[in-house]
Amino acid sequence: MQSATRTLTAATFAERYTLPKYRLRVTAGPSAGLERVFDRRLVYIGSAPDNDLVLDDPSVSRNHMKIDGERTGYRIKDLESKNGTWFAGARLVEAVLGTQAVLRLGQTELHFEHLPELHEVALAREPQFGDLLGTSPEMREIFAILARAAPAEATVLVDGESGTGKELVAEALHQHSRRAQGPFVVFDCSAVQRDLVESELFGHVKGAFTGALATRRGAMADAQGGTLFLDEIGELELDVQPKLLRALEKREIKPVGSNERVPVDVRIVAATNRDLQQMVREGSFREDLYYRLAVLRVQLPPLRRRRTDIPLLVNHFLESAQVRSGRAGPMTVSFDTMQQLQSYAWPGNVRELRNHIERAAVLSEGRELEVQLEETRQPRVALGGATDLGELAVDWALPFKDAKSRLIERFERVYWQRALDAHQWNVSGAARATGLHRKSLEYLMKKLDLKRPDEA
């Protein structure tokens, strides 16, 4: 285990430089009026909901272009979009932007402009932090952030899709912190029964409620002197959120049924695969708690955004699988197989890749890894009654949490596709019929990338 108080010197980073923040404004097209300020090295733009700037324009590709910050400035790259990225009447494949530029993507006109404020970009020299691996700039930038954040006591919020390694980030922060000798406790907000969340988190005294036969310490007390990882924080019930906020601010907890407050010394790392800022706007997540959790925010990229890391991950998982299985002799991965692995979308991200490699290592008969990958398919949507659920097959090869997450997403897609079809894609009508607020349905439509048949 590395020392928690190591000095961050110039040797820690392979690159370190500053760039101006910049503003993106949509001045024409369906998303006219949309404006965002960015202070990060890499930004993706497109119509798919997982982009950093989402354009509600049917003529914009799902992943249309990206802006990448380099020492020389911001470089834009068209991601093989259908209608192209245009500047001054010329279609661009790749170019370095000046301090201002007007770009056209489909029907959308996008203004880019530098701002006076600067932000620092640092890329770690080592391709690993804790159990996180990656040689891509995306991951080395995260490693540099984590290396500086670990010795501090700041609360960290980790965003990312399921399977991207959010718990590994929390473990790495703990291992490289001053609390490394203390406990590391995981509390999954989505896995606890609603009426037991407060008790499981803060503890309870004997007789506090029916079934409370003995006093029990909660997860926060169990993490005393160490780190508490709050997984799936977006699932935390609204009535428990102010109590967590108080615990964070006052550094004390009140067990259920007790009149005494107990001091706690715990560092909090929270994680979510939901859009907490959207939840704040909808009123389902407290704004003050969000800002208290997001003192430092780390956004993990999906595996499809860092395909250059796949060979490193494959070899690492293959070596681990061989050690556990006791298989004699090293296994190899052919060039064609590696290309196949790199071209796959990996909706389950790094966790799915690891499971696939471990399974393939067991089933392969020779010394060469054999893989079988199917194209990612969208579930077929029937317009009948309850038989729609028959299309939602469970992927038994995935861990429970991933299989559940994927099944819920497929269910939501089928349900809302059917509801919108039934109301001729009248969003207000579909929202009223299903008991949902229109804004919530609009958010779900973006999240699930649901579009009218004539726009798809």
Protein backbone atom coordinates (compact mmCIF):
# COMPACT_ATOMS: atom_id res chain seq x y z
CA MET A 1 0.00 0.00 0.00
CA GLN A 2 1.37 3.39 -0.94
CA SER A 3 1.93 6.08 1.63
CA ALA A 4 -1.05 8.34 2.18
CA THR A 5 1.12 11.43 2.61
CA ARG A 6 3.29 11.11 -0.47
CA THR A 7 4.48 14.37 -2.01
CA LEU A 8 3.04 15.27 -5.39
CA THR A 9 6.01 16.37 -7.45
CA ALA A 10 6.42 17.15 -11.12
CA ALA A 11 7.45 13.50 -11.60
CA THR A 12 3.93 12.45 -10.61
CA PHE A 13 2.54 13.90 -13.82
CA ALA A 14 3.48 13.18 -17.42
CA GLU A 15 1.85 16.43 -18.55
CA ARG A 16 0.58 19.52 -16.77
CA TYR A 17 -0.76 22.66 -18.42
CA THR A 18 -3.55 25.24 -18.22
CA LEU A 19 -6.38 25.94 -20.64
CA PRO A 20 -9.09 28.60 -20.67
CA LYS A 21 -12.61 27.64 -19.76
CA TYR A 22 -15.00 27.96 -22.67
CA ARG A 23 -18.66 28.53 -23.41
CA LEU A 24 -20.80 26.64 -25.92
CA ARG A 25 -24.00 28.43 -27.03
CA VAL A 26 -26.63 27.06 -29.40
CA THR A 27 -27.87 30.02 -31.43
CA ALA A 28 -29.93 28.20 -34.07
CA GLY A 29 -31.70 24.88 -34.38
CA PRO A 30 -34.09 22.88 -32.17
CA SER A 31 -31.92 23.42 -29.06
CA ALA A 32 -31.52 27.20 -29.56
CA GLY A 33 -30.86 28.94 -26.24
CA LEU A 34 -28.93 26.03 -24.73
CA GLU A 35 -25.71 27.25 -23.10
CA ARG A 36 -23.02 25.46 -21.13
CA VAL A 37 -19.63 26.44 -19.67
CA PHE A 38 -16.94 23.74 -19.58
CA ASP A 39 -13.76 23.50 -17.53
CA ARG A 40 -12.67 20.03 -18.56
CA ARG A 41 -10.28 18.64 -21.12
CA LEU A 42 -12.67 16.41 -23.05
CA VAL A 43 -16.28 17.12 -24.06
CA TYR A 44 -18.57 15.01 -26.27
CA ILE A 45 -21.41 16.54 -28.29
CA GLY A 46 -24.31 14.74 -29.97
CA SER A 47 -27.96 13.75 -29.73
CA ALA A 48 -27.48 10.71 -27.46
CA PRO A 49 -28.23 11.38 -23.79
CA ASP A 50 -24.77 10.31 -22.58
CA ASN A 51 -23.05 13.28 -24.25
CA ASP A 52 -21.76 16.25 -22.27
CA LEU A 53 -23.74 18.59 -24.52
CA VAL A 54 -26.97 16.96 -25.73
CA LEU A 55 -28.53 18.48 -28.85
CA ASP A 56 -32.20 17.73 -29.51
CA ASP A 57 -31.67 17.78 -33.28
CA PRO A 58 -32.61 14.78 -35.48
CA SER A 59 -29.94 15.82 -38.01
CA VAL A 60 -27.20 15.53 -35.35
CA SER A 61 -25.60 12.09 -34.94
CA ARG A 62 -25.77 10.28 -31.61
CA ASN A 63 -22.04 10.87 -31.05
CA HIS A 64 -21.35 13.72 -33.44
CA MET A 65 -18.08 15.36 -32.36
CA LYS A 66 -15.71 15.91 -29.47
CA ILE A 67 -13.61 18.81 -28.18
CA ASP A 68 -10.24 17.79 -26.74
CA GLY A 69 -7.97 20.18 -24.84
CA GLU A 70 -4.27 20.06 -25.76
CA ARG A 71 -1.29 22.25 -24.93
CA THR A 72 -1.84 24.16 -28.16
CA GLY A 73 -5.55 24.74 -27.55
CA TYR A 74 -8.84 22.96 -28.15
CA ARG A 75 -9.00 20.46 -30.98
CA ILE A 76 -12.35 19.41 -32.45
CA LYS A 77 -12.81 16.07 -34.13
CA ASP A 78 -15.83 14.88 -36.08
CA LEU A 79 -16.78 11.36 -34.97
CA GLU A 80 -17.76 10.15 -38.45
CA SER A 81 -21.12 11.92 -38.16
CA LYS A 82 -23.72 11.49 -40.87
CA ASN A 83 -24.17 15.17 -41.72
CA GLY A 84 -20.70 16.38 -40.75
CA THR A 85 -19.25 19.23 -38.70
CA TRP A 86 -18.93 22.48 -40.66
CA PHE A 87 -16.88 25.66 -40.20
CA ALA A 88 -16.95 28.65 -42.58
CA GLY A 89 -18.61 26.55 -45.28
CA ALA A 90 -16.06 23.73 -45.10
CA ARG A 91 -16.65 20.26 -43.70
CA LEU A 92 -14.10 19.47 -40.99
CA VAL A 93 -12.63 16.17 -39.93
CA GLU A 94 -10.27 17.65 -37.36
CA ALA A 95 -9.07 21.16 -36.53
CA VAL A 96 -7.69 23.36 -33.72
CA LEU A 97 -10.11 26.10 -32.70
CA GLY A 98 -9.22 29.72 -32.14
CA THR A 99 -10.55 31.83 -29.29
CA GLN A 100 -13.95 31.96 -31.03
CA ALA A 101 -15.64 29.84 -33.68
CA VAL A 102 -19.08 29.18 -35.13
CA LEU A 103 -19.75 25.53 -35.97
CA ARG A 104 -22.70 23.92 -37.71
CA LEU A 105 -23.89 20.43 -36.85
CA GLY A 106 -26.96 19.46 -38.86
CA GLN A 107 -29.55 22.18 -38.24
CA THR A 108 -27.70 23.39 -35.14
CA GLU A 109 -25.45 26.44 -35.03
CA LEU A 110 -22.96 26.25 -32.16
CA HIS A 111 -20.85 29.16 -30.89
CA PHE A 112 -17.54 28.37 -29.17
CA GLU A 113 -15.70 31.07 -27.18
CA HIS A 114 -12.87 31.21 -24.66
CA LEU A 115 -13.51 32.65 -21.20
CA PRO A 116 -11.00 34.56 -19.03
CA GLU A 117 -10.83 31.89 -16.32
CA LEU A 118 -8.25 29.10 -16.59
CA HIS A 119 -8.35 25.48 -15.47
CA GLU A 120 -5.48 23.05 -15.05
CA VAL A 121 -5.06 19.81 -16.97
CA ALA A 122 -2.80 17.16 -15.46
CA LEU A 123 -2.17 13.65 -16.77
CA ALA A 124 -0.66 11.06 -14.42
CA ARG A 125 2.54 9.38 -15.49
CA GLU A 126 1.59 5.93 -14.20
CA PRO A 127 -1.15 3.89 -15.98
CA GLN A 128 -2.62 2.74 -12.65
CA PHE A 129 -4.11 4.14 -9.45
CA GLY A 130 -5.12 1.54 -6.89
CA ASP A 131 -6.86 -1.21 -8.89
CA LEU A 132 -7.86 1.20 -11.66
CA LEU A 133 -6.00 0.67 -14.95
CA GLY A 134 -5.69 2.77 -18.09
CA THR A 135 -3.18 4.32 -20.45
CA SER A 136 -5.73 6.57 -22.18
CA PRO A 137 -5.62 10.33 -21.50
CA GLU A 138 -9.13 10.04 -20.06
CA MET A 139 -7.99 7.69 -17.30
CA ARG A 140 -4.60 9.29 -16.67
CA GLU A 141 -6.38 12.59 -16.12
CA ILE A 142 -8.62 10.92 -13.54
CA PHE A 143 -5.58 9.31 -11.87
CA ALA A 144 -4.00 12.76 -11.52
CA ILE A 145 -7.17 14.12 -9.89
CA LEU A 146 -7.40 11.17 -7.51
CA ALA A 147 -3.71 11.43 -6.56
CA ARG A 148 -4.29 15.02 -5.42
CA ALA A 149 -7.68 14.34 -3.83
CA ALA A 150 -6.75 11.25 -1.81
CA PRO A 151 -4.75 12.93 1.01
CA ALA A 152 -7.47 15.56 1.46
CA GLU A 153 -10.65 15.13 3.48
CA ALA A 154 -12.99 16.53 0.83
CA THR A 155 -16.17 14.61 0.03
CA VAL A 156 -16.06 13.09 -3.45
CA LEU A 157 -18.95 12.33 -5.84
CA VAL A 158 -18.20 9.73 -8.52
CA ASP A 159 -20.40 9.71 -11.63
CA GLY A 160 -20.43 6.92 -14.17
CA GLU A 161 -22.39 4.16 -15.79
CA SER A 162 -22.77 0.80 -14.07
CA GLY A 163 -19.59 -1.23 -14.30
CA THR A 164 -17.16 1.66 -14.88
CA GLY A 165 -15.36 1.15 -11.55
CA LYS A 166 -16.93 3.63 -9.12
CA GLU A 167 -16.25 1.43 -6.10
CA LEU A 168 -12.63 1.01 -7.22
CA VAL A 169 -12.30 4.81 -7.16
CA ALA A 170 -13.57 4.89 -3.58
CA GLU A 171 -11.20 2.09 -2.55
CA ALA A 172 -8.24 3.81 -4.21
CA LEU A 173 -9.03 7.11 -2.47
CA HIS A 174 -9.18 5.26 0.85
CA GLN A 175 -5.95 3.32 0.25
CA HIS A 176 -4.03 6.50 -0.59
CA SER A 177 -5.50 8.59 2.23
CA ARG A 178 -4.49 9.21 5.83
CA ARG A 179 -7.37 6.89 6.75
CA ALA A 180 -5.88 3.86 4.99
CA GLN A 181 -5.52 1.93 8.27
CA GLY A 182 -9.16 2.56 9.15
CA PRO A 183 -12.23 0.67 7.88
CA PHE A 184 -13.63 0.95 4.37
CA VAL A 185 -17.41 0.45 4.55
CA VAL A 186 -19.78 0.11 1.58
CA PHE A 187 -23.42 1.17 1.91
CA ASP A 188 -25.58 0.47 -1.16
CA CYS A 189 -28.54 2.85 -0.99
CA SER A 190 -30.44 0.80 -3.59
CA ALA A 191 -30.14 -2.51 -1.74
CA VAL A 192 -31.73 -1.55 1.60
CA GLN A 193 -35.46 -1.70 2.29
CA ARG A 194 -36.91 1.80 2.30
CA ASP A 195 -38.08 1.84 5.92
CA LEU A 196 -34.73 0.48 7.15
CA VAL A 197 -32.38 2.91 5.39
CA GLU A 198 -32.11 5.34 8.31
CA SER A 199 -31.49 2.52 10.79
CA GLU A 200 -28.90 0.80 8.57
CA LEU A 201 -27.09 4.10 7.96
CA PHE A 202 -27.20 5.74 11.41
CA GLY A 203 -27.96 2.77 13.68
CA HIS A 204 -30.74 2.27 16.24
CA VAL A 205 -31.23 1.60 19.93
CA LYS A 206 -32.98 -1.40 21.41
CA GLY A 207 -36.76 -1.05 21.21
CA ALA A 208 -36.67 1.81 18.69
CA PHE A 209 -39.17 -0.06 16.52
CA THR A 210 -40.77 -3.46 16.19
CA GLY A 211 -38.01 -5.97 15.64
CA ALA A 212 -35.26 -3.82 17.18
CA LEU A 213 -34.29 -6.46 19.75
CA ALA A 214 -30.82 -5.04 20.33
CA THR A 215 -28.88 -1.83 19.83
CA ARG A 216 -27.15 -1.75 16.46
CA ARG A 217 -24.36 0.40 15.04
CA GLY A 218 -25.06 1.80 11.60
CA ALA A 219 -22.77 1.98 8.57
CA MET A 220 -21.57 5.46 9.49
CA ALA A 221 -20.45 4.34 12.95
CA ASP A 222 -18.86 1.22 11.46
CA ALA A 223 -16.74 3.49 9.23
CA GLN A 224 -15.43 5.51 12.20
CA GLY A 225 -11.90 6.68 11.42
CA GLY A 226 -12.13 5.43 7.85
CA THR A 227 -14.14 5.90 4.65
CA LEU A 228 -17.84 5.33 3.97
CA PHE A 229 -18.74 4.62 0.35
CA LEU A 230 -22.36 5.52 -0.40
CA ASP A 231 -23.16 3.64 -3.59
CA GLU A 232 -26.22 4.56 -5.70
CA ILE A 233 -26.72 7.77 -3.70
CA GLY A 234 -29.42 8.83 -6.17
CA GLU A 235 -31.67 6.11 -4.70
CA LEU A 236 -31.59 7.64 -1.21
CA GLU A 237 -35.11 8.53 -0.07
CA LEU A 238 -35.94 12.23 0.13
CA ASP A 239 -36.87 12.06 3.84
CA VAL A 240 -33.44 10.62 4.76
CA GLN A 241 -31.46 13.18 2.75
CA PRO A 242 -31.63 16.05 5.32
CA LYS A 243 -30.40 13.66 8.03
CA LEU A 244 -27.41 12.70 5.89
CA LEU A 245 -26.76 16.38 5.20
CA ARG A 246 -26.72 17.12 8.92
CA ALA A 247 -24.35 14.22 9.54
CA LEU A 248 -21.98 15.58 6.90
CA GLU A 249 -22.09 19.15 8.18
CA LYS A 250 -22.13 18.53 11.95
CA ARG A 251 -20.02 15.35 11.93
CA GLU A 252 -22.52 13.68 14.21
CA ILE A 253 -25.36 11.17 13.92
CA LYS A 254 -28.52 10.42 15.88
CA PRO A 255 -29.40 6.70 15.97
CA VAL A 256 -33.07 5.86 15.50
CA GLY A 257 -34.88 5.95 18.85
CA SER A 258 -32.05 7.75 20.65
CA ASN A 259 -32.03 11.28 22.06
CA GLU A 260 -28.25 11.51 21.98
CA ARG A 261 -26.05 12.61 19.13
CA VAL A 262 -22.91 10.61 18.49
CA PRO A 263 -19.82 12.27 16.96
CA VAL A 264 -18.36 10.55 13.89
CA ASP A 265 -15.08 10.94 12.04
CA VAL A 266 -15.76 9.59 8.56
CA ARG A 267 -14.81 10.56 5.02
CA ILE A 268 -17.65 10.21 2.52
CA VAL A 269 -17.29 9.05 -1.08
CA ALA A 270 -20.61 8.82 -2.93
CA ALA A 271 -21.39 7.35 -6.34
CA THR A 272 -24.27 7.39 -8.79
CA ASN A 273 -25.17 6.45 -12.34
CA ARG A 274 -28.07 8.91 -12.32
CA ASP A 275 -28.15 12.61 -13.27
CA LEU A 276 -28.30 14.18 -9.81
CA GLN A 277 -28.47 17.70 -11.23
CA GLN A 278 -31.59 16.75 -13.16
CA MET A 279 -33.00 15.18 -10.00
CA VAL A 280 -32.34 18.45 -8.17
CA ARG A 281 -34.30 20.32 -10.84
CA GLU A 282 -37.16 17.81 -10.50
CA GLY A 283 -37.16 18.12 -6.73
CA SER A 284 -36.29 14.47 -6.02
CA PHE A 285 -32.81 15.26 -4.66
CA ARG A 286 -31.89 18.08 -2.29
CA GLU A 287 -29.75 20.79 -3.84
CA ASP A 288 -27.85 21.49 -0.60
CA LEU A 289 -26.98 17.80 -0.23
CA TYR A 290 -25.84 17.61 -3.85
CA TYR A 291 -23.36 20.47 -3.40
CA ARG A 292 -22.20 19.02 -0.09
CA LEU A 293 -21.45 15.68 -1.77
CA ALA A 294 -19.95 17.14 -4.96
CA VAL A 295 -17.12 19.09 -3.33
CA LEU A 296 -14.97 17.16 -5.78
CA ARG A 297 -16.65 15.46 -8.72
CA VAL A 298 -15.04 12.61 -10.68
CA GLN A 299 -16.70 11.47 -13.91
CA LEU A 300 -15.71 8.00 -15.09
CA PRO A 301 -15.93 7.47 -18.86
CA PRO A 302 -17.71 4.40 -20.24
CA LEU A 303 -15.45 1.78 -21.78
CA ARG A 304 -16.62 2.65 -25.30
CA ARG A 305 -15.01 6.09 -24.77
CA ARG A 306 -11.60 4.64 -23.92
CA ARG A 307 -11.17 1.70 -26.27
CA THR A 308 -7.37 2.09 -26.25
CA ASP A 309 -7.42 0.76 -22.67
CA ILE A 310 -9.04 -2.54 -23.67
CA PRO A 311 -5.80 -4.44 -24.55
CA LEU A 312 -4.32 -3.55 -21.14
CA LEU A 313 -7.52 -4.60 -19.35
CA VAL A 314 -7.87 -7.82 -21.36
CA ASN A 315 -4.33 -8.95 -20.56
CA HIS A 316 -4.78 -8.06 -16.89
CA PHE A 317 -8.08 -9.97 -16.57
CA LEU A 318 -6.70 -12.91 -18.56
CA GLU A 319 -3.67 -13.21 -16.29
CA SER A 320 -5.88 -13.06 -13.18
CA ALA A 321 -8.28 -15.67 -14.61
CA GLN A 322 -5.42 -18.05 -15.37
CA VAL A 323 -4.05 -17.76 -11.83
CA ARG A 324 -7.45 -18.50 -10.27
CA SER A 325 -8.27 -21.38 -12.60
CA GLY A 326 -4.84 -22.97 -12.23
CA ARG A 327 -4.58 -23.34 -16.00
CA ALA A 328 -1.08 -24.37 -17.10
CA GLY A 329 0.79 -22.21 -19.61
CA PRO A 330 0.02 -18.65 -20.72
CA MET A 331 -2.87 -17.86 -23.03
CA THR A 332 -2.57 -15.49 -25.98
CA VAL A 333 -4.99 -13.10 -27.67
CA SER A 334 -4.82 -12.87 -31.47
CA PHE A 335 -4.85 -9.55 -33.29
CA ASP A 336 -8.30 -10.28 -34.78
CA THR A 337 -9.73 -11.22 -31.38
CA MET A 338 -8.37 -8.04 -29.79
CA GLN A 339 -9.88 -5.97 -32.61
CA GLN A 340 -13.20 -7.68 -32.01
CA LEU A 341 -13.02 -6.89 -28.31
CA GLN A 342 -12.13 -3.25 -29.02
CA SER A 343 -14.95 -2.77 -31.50
CA TYR A 344 -17.67 -4.10 -29.17
CA ALA A 345 -19.82 -1.50 -27.32
CA TRP A 346 -19.58 -3.16 -23.84
CA PRO A 347 -22.82 -1.80 -22.36
CA GLY A 348 -21.80 -3.33 -19.02
CA ASN A 349 -18.43 -1.55 -19.25
CA VAL A 350 -15.29 -2.85 -17.51
CA ARG A 351 -17.21 -5.28 -15.30
CA GLU A 352 -18.79 -6.92 -18.35
CA LEU A 353 -15.40 -7.13 -20.09
CA ARG A 354 -13.85 -8.77 -17.01
CA ASN A 355 -16.66 -11.33 -16.73
CA HIS A 356 -16.44 -12.10 -20.45
CA ILE A 357 -12.66 -12.64 -20.36
CA GLU A 358 -12.88 -14.84 -17.26
CA ARG A 359 -15.60 -16.97 -18.86
CA ALA A 360 -13.75 -17.20 -22.17
CA ALA A 361 -10.53 -18.21 -20.39
CA VAL A 362 -12.34 -21.16 -18.82
CA LEU A 363 -14.15 -22.26 -21.99
CA SER A 364 -11.31 -21.82 -24.49
CA GLU A 365 -9.87 -25.21 -25.42
CA GLY A 366 -6.44 -24.20 -26.73
CA ARG A 367 -3.79 -21.69 -25.73
CA GLU A 368 -5.53 -18.89 -27.66
CA LEU A 369 -8.44 -16.97 -26.13
CA GLU A 370 -11.72 -17.63 -27.94
CA VAL A 371 -14.47 -15.04 -27.70
CA GLN A 372 -18.01 -14.86 -29.03
CA LEU A 373 -19.63 -11.44 -29.11
CA GLU A 374 -23.06 -10.55 -30.44
CA GLU A 375 -24.06 -7.18 -31.77
CA THR A 376 -25.74 -4.98 -29.18
CA ARG A 377 -29.45 -5.23 -29.82
CA GLN A 378 -32.32 -3.00 -28.82
CA PRO A 379 -35.27 -5.00 -27.45
CA ARG A 380 -38.13 -5.47 -29.89
CA VAL A 381 -41.16 -3.50 -28.74
CA ALA A 382 -44.55 -5.14 -29.08
CA LEU A 383 -47.70 -3.08 -28.74
CA GLY A 384 -49.79 -5.70 -27.01
CA GLY A 385 -50.60 -5.88 -23.33
CA ALA A 386 -48.57 -7.40 -20.54
CA THR A 387 -46.89 -9.79 -22.99
CA ASP A 388 -44.43 -6.96 -23.72
CA LEU A 389 -42.46 -8.18 -20.70
CA GLY A 390 -41.74 -11.39 -22.53
CA GLU A 391 -39.22 -9.49 -24.62
CA LEU A 392 -37.20 -8.53 -21.54
CA ALA A 393 -34.90 -11.52 -21.17
CA VAL A 394 -32.49 -11.57 -18.23
CA ASP A 395 -28.78 -11.85 -19.03
CA TRP A 396 -27.84 -14.55 -16.48
CA ALA A 397 -24.13 -14.19 -17.27
CA LEU A 398 -24.01 -10.74 -15.60
CA PRO A 399 -23.71 -10.05 -11.85
CA PHE A 400 -27.05 -9.37 -10.12
CA LYS A 401 -26.69 -5.57 -10.00
CA ASP A 402 -25.75 -5.30 -13.68
CA ALA A 403 -28.47 -7.72 -14.81
CA LYS A 404 -31.04 -5.82 -12.74
CA SER A 405 -29.88 -2.43 -14.08
CA ARG A 406 -30.02 -3.62 -17.68
CA LEU A 407 -33.44 -5.24 -17.20
CA ILE A 408 -34.87 -2.04 -15.68
CA GLU A 409 -33.51 0.04 -18.55
CA ARG A 410 -35.06 -2.32 -21.09
CA PHE A 411 -38.37 -2.28 -19.21
CA GLU A 412 -38.37 1.53 -19.14
CA ARG A 413 -37.64 1.65 -22.86
CA VAL A 414 -40.47 -0.76 -23.70
CA TYR A 415 -42.92 0.92 -21.31
CA TRP A 416 -42.37 4.48 -22.49
CA GLN A 417 -42.12 3.54 -26.15
CA ARG A 418 -45.54 1.90 -25.85
CA ALA A 419 -47.02 4.81 -23.82
CA LEU A 420 -45.80 7.41 -26.32
CA ASP A 421 -46.98 5.36 -29.29
CA ALA A 422 -50.41 5.05 -27.67
CA HIS A 423 -50.66 8.86 -27.46
CA GLN A 424 -49.20 9.57 -30.92
CA TRP A 425 -46.06 10.91 -29.19
CA ASN A 426 -47.96 13.63 -27.35
CA VAL A 427 -45.62 13.96 -24.36
CA SER A 428 -48.12 15.78 -22.14
CA GLY A 429 -50.81 13.19 -22.86
CA ALA A 430 -48.50 10.27 -22.16
CA ALA A 431 -47.28 11.91 -18.92
CA ARG A 432 -50.84 12.50 -17.68
CA ALA A 433 -51.93 8.95 -18.54
CA THR A 434 -49.01 7.39 -16.68
CA GLY A 435 -49.06 9.72 -13.66
CA LEU A 436 -45.73 11.39 -14.36
CA HIS A 437 -44.74 15.03 -14.61
CA ARG A 438 -44.04 16.15 -18.18
CA LYS A 439 -40.51 17.30 -17.26
CA SER A 440 -39.76 13.88 -15.77
CA LEU A 441 -40.93 12.16 -18.95
CA GLU A 442 -38.82 14.51 -21.08
CA TYR A 443 -35.81 13.58 -18.95
CA LEU A 444 -36.53 9.86 -19.38
CA MET A 445 -36.91 10.31 -23.14
CA LYS A 446 -33.45 11.88 -23.31
CA LYS A 447 -31.96 9.29 -21.00
CA LEU A 448 -33.39 6.41 -23.06
CA ASP A 449 -32.83 8.23 -26.36
CA LEU A 450 -36.48 7.83 -27.38
CA LYS A 451 -37.46 9.71 -30.53
CA ARG A 452 -40.47 9.91 -32.78
CA PRO A 453 -40.31 7.30 -35.56
CA ASP A 454 -39.89 10.08 -38.14
CA GLU A 455 -36.93 11.53 -36.17
CA ALA A 456 -35.10 8.30 -35.40
